N, C-alpha and C. Protein backbone atom coordinates (compact mmCIF):
# COMPACT_ATOMS: atom_id res chain seq x y z
N MET A 1 -30.52 -26.59 1.83
CA MET A 1 -29.70 -26.11 0.84
C MET A 1 -28.25 -25.54 1.57
N ILE A 2 -27.26 -25.85 0.88
CA ILE A 2 -25.97 -25.50 1.30
C ILE A 2 -25.40 -24.26 0.52
N PHE A 3 -25.16 -23.11 1.10
CA PHE A 3 -24.59 -22.13 0.35
C PHE A 3 -23.11 -21.95 0.61
N SER A 4 -22.36 -21.83 -0.43
CA SER A 4 -20.89 -21.66 -0.25
C SER A 4 -20.56 -20.23 -0.64
N LYS A 5 -19.55 -19.75 0.01
CA LYS A 5 -19.05 -18.34 -0.25
C LYS A 5 -18.18 -18.45 -1.59
N LYS A 6 -18.35 -17.41 -2.38
CA LYS A 6 -17.53 -17.45 -3.62
C LYS A 6 -16.10 -17.12 -3.29
N LYS A 7 -15.21 -17.74 -4.09
CA LYS A 7 -13.83 -17.47 -3.86
C LYS A 7 -13.51 -16.05 -4.42
N GLU A 8 -12.99 -15.23 -3.65
CA GLU A 8 -12.69 -13.80 -3.86
C GLU A 8 -11.11 -13.76 -4.17
N ILE A 9 -10.86 -13.00 -5.25
CA ILE A 9 -9.43 -12.77 -5.56
C ILE A 9 -9.08 -11.38 -4.94
N ILE A 10 -8.16 -11.29 -4.18
CA ILE A 10 -7.79 -10.12 -3.53
C ILE A 10 -6.34 -9.66 -3.85
N ASN A 11 -6.07 -8.51 -4.33
CA ASN A 11 -4.73 -8.03 -4.71
C ASN A 11 -4.27 -7.10 -3.63
N PRO A 12 -3.11 -7.51 -3.06
CA PRO A 12 -2.53 -6.61 -2.08
C PRO A 12 -1.87 -5.32 -2.48
N TYR A 13 -2.05 -4.17 -1.80
CA TYR A 13 -1.42 -2.96 -2.17
C TYR A 13 -0.77 -2.26 -0.98
N THR A 14 0.16 -1.38 -1.23
CA THR A 14 0.93 -0.63 -0.19
C THR A 14 0.58 0.72 -0.41
N LEU A 15 0.38 1.49 0.70
CA LEU A 15 0.17 2.91 0.71
C LEU A 15 1.35 3.68 1.33
N GLU A 16 2.05 4.48 0.58
CA GLU A 16 3.16 5.20 1.16
C GLU A 16 2.73 6.61 1.33
N GLU A 17 3.35 7.28 2.38
CA GLU A 17 3.17 8.71 2.73
C GLU A 17 4.49 9.34 3.08
N CYS A 18 4.57 10.55 2.44
CA CYS A 18 5.76 11.32 2.73
C CYS A 18 5.71 11.96 4.16
N ASP A 19 6.93 11.82 4.81
CA ASP A 19 7.00 12.31 6.27
C ASP A 19 7.14 13.92 6.19
N SER A 20 7.40 14.52 5.08
CA SER A 20 7.49 15.97 5.00
C SER A 20 6.23 16.73 4.50
N CYS A 21 5.83 16.42 3.29
CA CYS A 21 4.72 17.10 2.73
C CYS A 21 3.37 16.25 2.73
N HIS A 22 3.44 15.05 3.25
CA HIS A 22 2.33 14.15 3.45
C HIS A 22 1.55 13.71 2.12
N ALA A 23 2.27 13.69 1.00
CA ALA A 23 1.82 13.17 -0.13
C ALA A 23 1.63 11.65 -0.07
N ILE A 24 0.63 11.22 -0.68
CA ILE A 24 0.20 9.78 -0.64
C ILE A 24 0.39 9.09 -1.95
N SER A 25 0.89 7.92 -2.00
CA SER A 25 0.98 7.12 -3.23
C SER A 25 0.54 5.68 -3.00
N LYS A 26 -0.14 5.01 -3.93
CA LYS A 26 -0.44 3.58 -3.81
C LYS A 26 0.23 2.95 -4.89
N ARG A 27 0.81 1.65 -4.33
CA ARG A 27 1.50 0.80 -5.40
C ARG A 27 1.23 -0.65 -4.93
N LYS A 28 1.55 -1.51 -5.92
CA LYS A 28 1.38 -2.93 -5.60
C LYS A 28 2.30 -3.42 -4.48
N PHE A 29 1.84 -4.24 -3.67
CA PHE A 29 2.67 -4.84 -2.51
C PHE A 29 3.82 -5.65 -3.11
N LYS A 30 5.01 -5.43 -2.41
CA LYS A 30 6.18 -6.06 -2.75
C LYS A 30 6.56 -6.93 -1.57
N GLU A 31 7.12 -8.07 -1.80
CA GLU A 31 7.55 -9.01 -0.69
C GLU A 31 8.61 -8.20 0.10
N GLY A 32 8.44 -8.31 1.55
CA GLY A 32 9.35 -7.57 2.29
C GLY A 32 8.78 -6.25 2.79
N ASP A 33 7.56 -5.75 2.34
CA ASP A 33 6.96 -4.52 2.85
C ASP A 33 6.48 -4.75 4.13
N TYR A 34 6.56 -3.71 4.94
CA TYR A 34 5.95 -3.73 6.30
C TYR A 34 5.63 -2.26 6.72
N VAL A 35 4.63 -2.17 7.60
CA VAL A 35 4.16 -0.79 7.99
C VAL A 35 5.39 0.07 8.73
N PHE A 36 5.57 1.25 8.45
CA PHE A 36 6.65 2.16 8.87
C PHE A 36 7.95 1.92 8.33
N LYS A 37 8.09 1.04 7.25
CA LYS A 37 9.34 0.77 6.65
C LYS A 37 9.73 2.01 5.66
N PRO A 38 10.83 2.57 5.84
CA PRO A 38 11.30 3.62 4.95
C PRO A 38 11.30 3.25 3.46
N ALA A 39 10.84 4.00 2.65
CA ALA A 39 10.90 3.73 1.19
C ALA A 39 11.81 4.59 0.41
N ASP A 40 11.41 5.03 -0.83
CA ASP A 40 12.11 5.90 -1.69
C ASP A 40 11.97 7.43 -1.17
N LYS A 41 12.63 8.29 -1.82
CA LYS A 41 12.52 9.79 -1.64
C LYS A 41 11.17 10.14 -2.31
N CYS A 42 10.60 11.16 -1.68
CA CYS A 42 9.37 11.72 -2.21
C CYS A 42 9.46 12.32 -3.63
N GLY A 43 8.61 11.93 -4.47
CA GLY A 43 8.68 12.51 -5.86
C GLY A 43 7.95 13.85 -5.93
N SER A 44 7.17 14.20 -4.90
CA SER A 44 6.41 15.42 -4.88
C SER A 44 7.29 16.51 -4.42
N CYS A 45 7.77 16.46 -3.29
CA CYS A 45 8.48 17.62 -2.57
C CYS A 45 10.07 17.44 -2.87
N GLY A 46 10.59 16.13 -3.00
CA GLY A 46 12.03 16.05 -3.31
C GLY A 46 12.87 15.86 -2.11
N ASN A 47 12.44 16.33 -0.92
CA ASN A 47 13.37 16.18 0.21
C ASN A 47 12.75 15.38 1.32
N GLY A 48 11.52 14.82 1.23
CA GLY A 48 10.95 14.00 2.23
C GLY A 48 11.22 12.54 1.85
N GLN A 49 10.98 11.72 3.00
CA GLN A 49 11.18 10.25 2.83
C GLN A 49 9.75 9.65 2.79
N MET A 50 9.46 8.82 1.93
CA MET A 50 8.25 8.01 1.79
C MET A 50 8.40 6.83 2.84
N ILE A 51 7.32 6.72 3.58
CA ILE A 51 7.22 5.57 4.61
C ILE A 51 5.83 4.93 4.33
N ILE A 52 5.99 3.60 4.50
CA ILE A 52 4.78 2.73 4.37
C ILE A 52 3.86 3.03 5.46
N ALA A 53 2.60 3.40 5.12
CA ALA A 53 1.52 3.80 6.14
C ALA A 53 0.49 2.74 6.24
N LYS A 54 0.17 2.05 5.15
CA LYS A 54 -0.90 1.00 5.16
C LYS A 54 -0.57 -0.06 4.23
N ILE A 55 -0.96 -1.31 4.56
CA ILE A 55 -0.95 -2.44 3.62
C ILE A 55 -2.43 -3.05 3.73
N PHE A 56 -3.03 -3.04 2.39
CA PHE A 56 -4.48 -3.57 2.39
C PHE A 56 -4.64 -4.29 1.15
N GLY A 57 -5.81 -4.90 1.10
CA GLY A 57 -6.21 -5.73 -0.16
C GLY A 57 -7.49 -5.22 -0.68
N GLU A 58 -7.50 -5.20 -2.06
CA GLU A 58 -8.82 -4.82 -2.76
C GLU A 58 -9.33 -6.06 -3.62
N GLU A 59 -10.48 -6.35 -3.43
CA GLU A 59 -11.15 -7.37 -4.19
C GLU A 59 -11.21 -7.06 -5.66
N VAL A 60 -10.95 -8.11 -6.49
CA VAL A 60 -11.00 -8.09 -8.00
C VAL A 60 -12.42 -8.46 -8.34
N LYS A 61 -13.07 -7.60 -9.13
CA LYS A 61 -14.37 -7.90 -9.60
C LYS A 61 -14.49 -8.47 -10.81
């Protein structure tokens, strides 16, 4: 018997963290994202800079 692995659909996500208050937000991956890339201003504290902390994929079920 031959077993084949099912094709998995994986959606990429980006995790951003504020360098001031350490608030974390998850969003869909955008072309050009890389770890430690500065992003938008923090929406939580208002004076911090959001930095990309992690890029990962989640399996769609």
